[in-house]
Protein backbone atom coordinates (compact mmCIF):
# COMPACT_ATOMS: atom_id res chain seq x y z
CA MET A 1 32.81 0.48 8.17
CA LYS A 2 30.08 0.51 5.91
CA ALA A 3 26.69 -0.59 6.90
CA ARG A 4 25.40 -4.30 5.33
CA ILE A 5 21.96 -3.94 4.11
CA SER A 6 20.08 -6.67 2.98
CA THR A 7 16.72 -7.00 0.77
CA GLU A 8 13.87 -9.12 -0.21
CA TRP A 9 11.09 -9.44 -2.35
CA LEU A 10 8.02 -11.28 -1.13
CA SER A 11 4.66 -11.22 -3.04
CA GLY A 12 4.96 -7.44 -4.45
CA CYS A 13 5.66 -6.63 -8.17
CA SER A 14 8.68 -5.54 -7.34
CA GLY A 15 8.32 -1.78 -7.77
CA CYS A 16 9.63 -0.90 -4.49
CA HIS A 17 12.93 -2.20 -5.57
CA VAL A 18 12.99 -0.28 -8.09
CA ALA A 19 11.67 2.96 -7.03
CA VAL A 20 14.71 3.14 -5.22
CA VAL A 21 16.98 3.41 -8.64
CA ASP A 22 14.27 6.43 -8.53
CA LEU A 23 17.22 8.17 -6.20
CA HIS A 24 19.49 9.26 -8.72
CA GLU A 25 21.94 10.89 -7.24
CA LYS A 26 21.52 10.22 -4.05
CA LEU A 27 22.19 6.63 -4.14
CA LEU A 28 25.64 7.78 -5.44
CA ASN A 29 26.06 9.82 -2.09
CA LEU A 30 24.73 6.53 -0.08
CA VAL A 31 27.24 3.97 -2.12
CA GLU A 32 30.11 6.06 0.42
CA ASP A 33 28.50 4.50 3.40
CA VAL A 34 26.34 0.78 2.31
CA GLU A 35 26.95 -2.31 1.50
CA PHE A 36 24.40 -4.25 0.02
CA VAL A 37 24.60 -7.95 1.31
CA ARG A 38 21.32 -9.20 -0.29
CA ILE A 39 19.25 -7.62 -3.20
CA PRO A 40 17.49 -10.09 -6.15
CA VAL A 41 16.70 -7.58 -8.65
CA LEU A 42 20.76 -7.30 -8.68
CA VAL A 43 22.57 -10.00 -7.11
CA ASP A 44 22.33 -13.80 -7.03
CA GLU A 45 22.41 -14.38 -3.38
CA LYS A 46 20.32 -17.34 -2.03
CA GLY A 47 21.62 -16.85 1.49
CA TYR A 48 20.80 -14.60 4.70
CA PRO A 49 24.21 -13.04 5.37
CA GLU A 50 24.04 -11.24 8.79
CA ALA A 51 23.16 -7.26 7.80
CA ASP A 52 22.54 -3.63 9.99
CA ILE A 53 19.19 -3.35 7.94
CA GLY A 54 17.32 -5.27 6.67
CA ILE A 55 14.34 -4.34 3.66
CA VAL A 56 11.29 -5.92 2.70
CA GLU A 57 9.33 -5.50 0.05
CA GLY A 58 5.59 -7.77 -0.77
CA ALA A 59 2.61 -9.02 1.55
CA VAL A 60 3.06 -12.56 3.29
CA ARG A 61 0.99 -14.43 0.94
CA SER A 62 2.99 -18.38 0.97
CA GLU A 63 5.01 -20.23 3.32
CA HIS A 64 7.93 -19.41 1.21
CA ASP A 65 7.13 -15.18 1.94
CA ARG A 66 6.60 -16.16 5.81
CA HIS A 67 9.86 -18.21 5.73
CA CYS A 68 12.69 -15.92 4.02
CA LEU A 69 10.45 -12.80 6.09
CA LEU A 70 11.39 -15.40 9.33
CA LYS A 71 15.44 -15.49 8.02
CA MET A 72 15.21 -11.86 7.64
CA ARG A 73 14.28 -10.73 10.90
CA GLU A 74 16.57 -13.73 12.23
CA SER A 75 19.62 -11.87 10.36
CA CYS A 76 19.36 -7.98 9.92
CA LYS A 77 19.55 -5.63 13.38
CA LYS A 78 16.47 -3.55 12.30
CA LEU A 79 14.02 -4.36 9.23
CA VAL A 80 12.28 -2.16 7.54
CA ALA A 81 8.85 -2.46 5.93
CA PHE A 82 9.35 -1.17 2.14
CA GLY A 83 5.58 0.10 0.60
CA THR A 84 2.24 0.09 1.19
CA CYS A 85 2.08 -3.92 0.96
CA ALA A 86 4.64 -5.12 3.26
CA VAL A 87 2.63 -2.52 5.73
CA TYR A 88 -0.69 -2.91 4.84
CA GLY A 89 -0.81 -5.39 2.25
CA GLY A 90 -1.14 -4.40 -0.99
CA PRO A 91 -3.40 -4.37 -3.65
CA SER A 92 -3.15 -8.60 -3.07
CA GLY A 93 -5.16 -7.77 0.23
CA ILE A 94 -8.04 -8.48 -1.99
CA GLY A 95 -6.68 -11.92 -2.02
CA TRP A 96 -8.16 -11.26 1.97
CA LEU A 97 -11.64 -11.61 0.95
CA TYR A 98 -11.18 -15.18 -0.63
CA ASP A 99 -10.11 -17.91 0.56
CA LYS A 100 -7.23 -19.50 -0.56
CA ASP A 101 -8.78 -22.91 -2.37
CA THR A 102 -11.40 -21.26 -4.65
CA ILE A 103 -8.53 -18.85 -5.95
CA LEU A 104 -6.11 -21.54 -6.52
CA ASP A 105 -9.22 -23.20 -8.60
CA LYS A 106 -9.82 -20.05 -10.38
CA ILE A 107 -6.40 -19.66 -11.65
CA TYR A 108 -5.17 -23.20 -12.23
CA LYS A 109 -8.60 -24.79 -12.10
CA GLU A 110 -10.58 -22.80 -14.44
CA THR A 111 -8.60 -21.14 -17.44
CA VAL A 112 -8.55 -22.48 -20.45
CA THR A 113 -4.49 -23.02 -19.65
CA SER A 114 -5.77 -25.42 -17.52
CA GLN A 115 -5.00 -29.16 -17.18
CA LYS A 116 -7.23 -31.24 -18.47
CA ASP A 117 -7.38 -33.78 -15.37
CA GLY A 118 -7.86 -30.42 -13.38
CA ALA A 119 -4.81 -31.47 -11.39
CA MET A 120 -2.71 -28.48 -9.25
CA PRO A 121 0.73 -27.37 -11.89
CA GLU A 122 4.30 -28.61 -11.18
CA GLY A 123 5.70 -25.19 -8.27
CA ALA A 124 1.89 -23.86 -8.21
CA PRO A 125 2.55 -22.11 -4.47
CA VAL A 126 1.91 -23.37 -1.41
CA LEU A 127 -0.78 -20.49 -0.62
CA GLU A 128 -1.70 -19.38 3.05
CA GLN A 129 -4.81 -18.63 4.13
CA SER A 130 -4.40 -14.62 3.59
CA VAL A 131 -2.87 -12.03 2.44
CA THR A 132 -0.65 -10.53 5.80
CA PRO A 133 1.50 -7.58 6.23
CA ILE A 134 4.86 -8.46 7.41
CA ASP A 135 3.58 -6.62 10.80
CA GLU A 136 1.56 -9.33 11.72
CA VAL A 137 4.37 -11.83 11.73
CA VAL A 138 7.48 -10.23 12.69
CA ASP A 139 8.60 -6.92 14.80
CA ILE A 140 8.67 -4.19 12.70
CA ASP A 141 11.18 -0.99 13.37
CA PHE A 142 10.87 1.12 10.30
CA TYR A 143 7.84 2.05 8.26
CA ILE A 144 8.10 3.36 4.88
CA PRO A 145 4.92 3.38 2.72
CA GLY A 146 3.52 3.78 -0.69
CA CYS A 147 3.03 2.05 -4.32
CA PRO A 148 5.99 2.62 -4.62
CA PRO A 149 7.95 5.19 -1.51
CA HIS A 150 8.20 8.37 -2.64
CA PRO A 151 11.95 9.23 -3.57
CA TYR A 152 12.41 11.66 -0.45
CA PHE A 153 11.15 9.08 1.71
CA ILE A 154 13.22 6.53 1.22
CA ALA A 155 16.61 8.64 1.54
CA LEU A 156 14.95 9.99 4.10
CA ALA A 157 14.42 7.02 6.38
CA VAL A 158 18.08 5.37 4.78
CA LYS A 159 20.11 8.52 6.56
CA THR A 160 17.96 7.63 9.76
CA LEU A 161 18.77 3.87 9.77
CA LEU A 162 22.01 5.43 9.74
CA GLY A 163 22.19 7.27 11.97
CA ALA A 164 20.87 10.85 11.30
CA SER A 165 18.95 12.50 13.75
CA VAL A 166 15.06 11.03 13.37
CA PRO A 167 12.82 13.97 11.85
CA GLU A 168 9.43 14.86 12.57
CA MET A 169 7.68 12.93 10.35
CA SER A 170 4.12 15.08 9.15
CA THR A 171 0.88 13.48 10.04
CA LYS A 172 -1.49 15.30 8.27
CA THR A 173 -2.50 14.28 4.89
CA VAL A 174 -2.53 14.41 1.50
CA CYS A 175 -4.58 17.34 0.96
CA SER A 176 -2.56 19.16 2.88
CA ALA A 177 0.12 18.93 0.14
CA CYS A 178 -2.76 19.63 -2.45
CA GLN A 179 -3.12 22.80 -4.48
CA ARG A 180 -6.43 22.58 -5.43
CA LYS A 181 -9.07 24.34 -3.82
CA MET A 182 -11.98 23.04 -2.43
CA GLU A 183 -15.37 24.75 -3.39
CA LYS A 184 -18.85 24.19 -2.08
CA ARG A 185 -20.92 23.78 -5.36
CA GLU A 186 -24.67 22.55 -6.05
CA GLY A 187 -26.21 20.91 -8.99
CA VAL A 188 -22.78 18.09 -9.19
CA LYS A 189 -23.62 14.99 -10.16
CA LEU A 190 -21.28 11.76 -8.57
CA GLN A 191 -18.37 10.68 -11.56
CA LYS A 192 -18.30 7.29 -11.04
CA GLY A 193 -15.40 5.78 -13.13
CA MET A 194 -13.91 8.89 -13.49
CA SER A 195 -10.14 9.24 -12.10
CA SER A 196 -9.88 12.78 -12.58
CA GLY A 197 -11.68 16.14 -13.70
CA THR A 198 -11.99 18.77 -15.75
CA GLU A 199 -11.49 21.62 -13.33
CA ASP A 200 -7.43 21.71 -12.71
CA ASP A 201 -7.53 24.15 -9.36
CA VAL A 202 -10.72 23.04 -7.22
CA CYS A 203 -10.70 19.42 -6.02
CA LEU A 204 -11.51 16.86 -6.99
CA LEU A 205 -14.62 16.04 -4.44
CA SER A 206 -16.19 19.31 -5.41
CA GLN A 207 -16.23 18.27 -9.02
CA GLY A 208 -18.14 15.09 -7.12
CA VAL A 209 -14.77 12.42 -8.63
CA ILE A 210 -13.70 10.63 -5.63
CA CYS A 211 -10.64 11.18 -4.47
CA LEU A 212 -9.04 10.05 -1.15
CA GLY A 213 -6.87 12.36 -0.76
CA SER A 214 -8.35 13.38 2.31
CA VAL A 215 -8.42 10.21 4.10
CA THR A 216 -4.84 8.66 3.29
CA LEU A 217 -1.45 9.75 5.11
CA ASP A 218 0.67 11.85 2.46
CA ARG A 219 4.34 10.41 2.06
CA CYS A 220 4.03 11.18 -1.47
CA GLN A 221 3.12 15.00 -1.53
CA ALA A 222 0.68 15.12 -3.14
CA GLN A 223 1.79 14.09 -6.88
CA CYS A 224 -1.46 12.02 -7.85
CA PRO A 225 -4.07 15.09 -7.49
CA ASN A 226 -1.44 17.72 -8.00
CA LYS A 227 -0.84 16.53 -11.66
CA GLY A 228 -4.48 15.55 -12.26
CA VAL A 229 -5.54 12.66 -11.00
CA ALA A 230 -7.86 11.58 -7.68
CA CYS A 231 -5.73 10.25 -4.79
CA ALA A 232 -5.70 5.83 -5.21
CA GLY A 233 -4.64 6.08 -1.24
CA CYS A 234 -1.48 3.99 -2.21
CA ALA A 235 0.13 5.25 1.06
CA GLY A 236 -2.60 4.13 2.78
CA PRO A 237 -4.65 5.29 5.93
CA SER A 238 -4.85 8.28 7.47
CA LEU A 239 -3.56 8.77 11.41
CA ASP A 240 -7.66 9.06 12.16
CA LEU A 241 -8.08 6.25 10.15
CA ILE A 242 -6.34 4.22 11.67
CA THR A 243 -6.68 5.77 16.05
CA GLU A 244 -10.27 6.03 15.24
CA PRO A 245 -12.93 2.53 15.76
CA HIS A 246 -15.70 3.88 14.47
CA LEU A 247 -14.15 6.13 11.35
CA ASP A 248 -14.01 4.26 7.90
CA ILE A 249 -13.13 5.51 4.46
CA ARG A 250 -16.70 5.09 2.69
CA THR A 251 -18.38 7.57 5.44
CA LEU A 252 -15.71 9.71 5.71
CA ILE A 253 -15.17 10.65 2.10
CA ALA A 254 -19.39 10.64 1.69
CA LYS A 255 -19.60 12.93 4.48
CA ARG A 256 -17.31 15.32 2.43
CA MET A 257 -18.33 15.19 -0.68
CA SER A 258 -21.60 15.41 0.62
CA LEU A 259 -20.90 18.76 1.97
CA LEU A 260 -19.35 20.09 -0.78
CA THR A 261 -21.86 19.24 -3.27
CA GLY A 262 -25.06 18.34 -1.90
CA ILE A 263 -24.83 14.71 -3.45
CA ASP A 264 -26.73 12.59 -1.24
CA ARG A 265 -23.91 10.58 0.88
CA GLN A 266 -25.89 7.20 0.70
CA GLU A 267 -25.43 7.21 -3.24
CA ILE A 268 -21.84 7.69 -2.22
CA ILE A 269 -21.33 5.08 0.38
CA ASP A 270 -23.26 2.60 -1.88
CA TYR A 271 -20.48 3.44 -4.92
CA ILE A 272 -17.37 3.01 -2.58
CA GLU A 273 -19.35 -0.39 -1.36
CA LYS A 274 -19.40 -1.30 -4.34
CA GLU A 275 -16.28 -0.94 -5.72
CA ALA A 276 -14.12 -1.18 -2.81
CA LYS A 277 -12.04 -3.52 -4.21
CA THR A 278 -9.92 -0.27 -5.68
CA PHE A 279 -11.32 2.77 -3.03
CA TYR A 280 -9.59 0.10 -0.67
CA SER A 281 -8.01 -1.99 -2.08
CA TYR A 282 -4.00 -1.18 -0.77
CA ALA A 283 -5.45 -1.19 3.19
CA LEU A 284 -8.20 -4.49 2.69
CA SER A 285 -5.98 -7.25 3.96
CA SER A 286 -4.56 -4.37 7.20
CA PRO A 287 -6.99 -5.09 10.33
CA SER A 288 -6.29 -1.28 10.46
CA ILE A 289 -8.84 -1.62 8.13
CA TYR A 290 -10.75 -5.31 8.10
CA LYS A 291 -11.00 -5.01 11.81
CA LYS A 292 -13.25 -1.98 12.22
CA PRO A 293 -16.94 -2.27 13.28
CA THR A 294 -17.90 -0.25 10.80
CA VAL A 295 -16.72 -2.12 8.41
CA GLU A 296 -18.24 -5.28 7.19
CA MET A 297 -15.81 -5.72 4.18
CA ARG A 298 -16.60 -9.83 2.90
CA GLU A 299 -20.45 -9.23 3.29
CA TRP A 300 -20.25 -6.27 0.83
CA ALA A 301 -16.80 -6.52 -0.99
CA GLY A 302 -16.84 -9.76 -1.94
CA LYS A 303 -19.55 -10.16 -3.71
């Protein structure tokens, strides 16, 4: 008997659903084992049929999101947080820095397309006060972070959920899969606003470029740094960041880059704080970040 799979798309970009197509021939291999009973981007199914596996993309941002998520939990035996928005809140988690009325006023009342009487347009979303990762609302059985998740880990997760033996998942960082070599240097300047370096085989931190590979869980096989682009942290915080309350992104990166280049740690910390909406964007609304006693996020990132 085929396993029944149901999917839902909450506040997100739908990129995680599209990533399923990137399974290519692996997707064909699954056709004999699974049946999609609900998938918003392909099937016009308004209800929530019973399913063996539920896959949820996106974070909870509106009352509608919460309602849909609860329906998925009720109708699915196992529920998967699919993608970084579902796991950590994702880029839309930047909304955590502001109250909902400020956001709605900015979008619907303070733009050139706003209604002249200042009224909210019909159909405007009813937002919750903040952006919420889905495991803050319901119990989750499986997590697949990534923006979007890497095809390898999607296929691995589906096979595991279908009954294959559970593989031992690496807890290493993106750096573990990066082919670049760290070098200790002198006279390096902090490359503000840069996401790549001039040398193809040297660690980006050694070149003064902020790369989050050392503070990010490897669920991507280091595709970005190996292709010349600094890691943006899309797979979420590394294990040490999650488990150690005194550690945070800015201080760990500052320590490592300063040791490699001699750049003053406080200069690095100040820059990361100023650009927090970039460097903390994927997990900003996750308690694993904002509840740290060392991070007063709203004080220095909500400006």
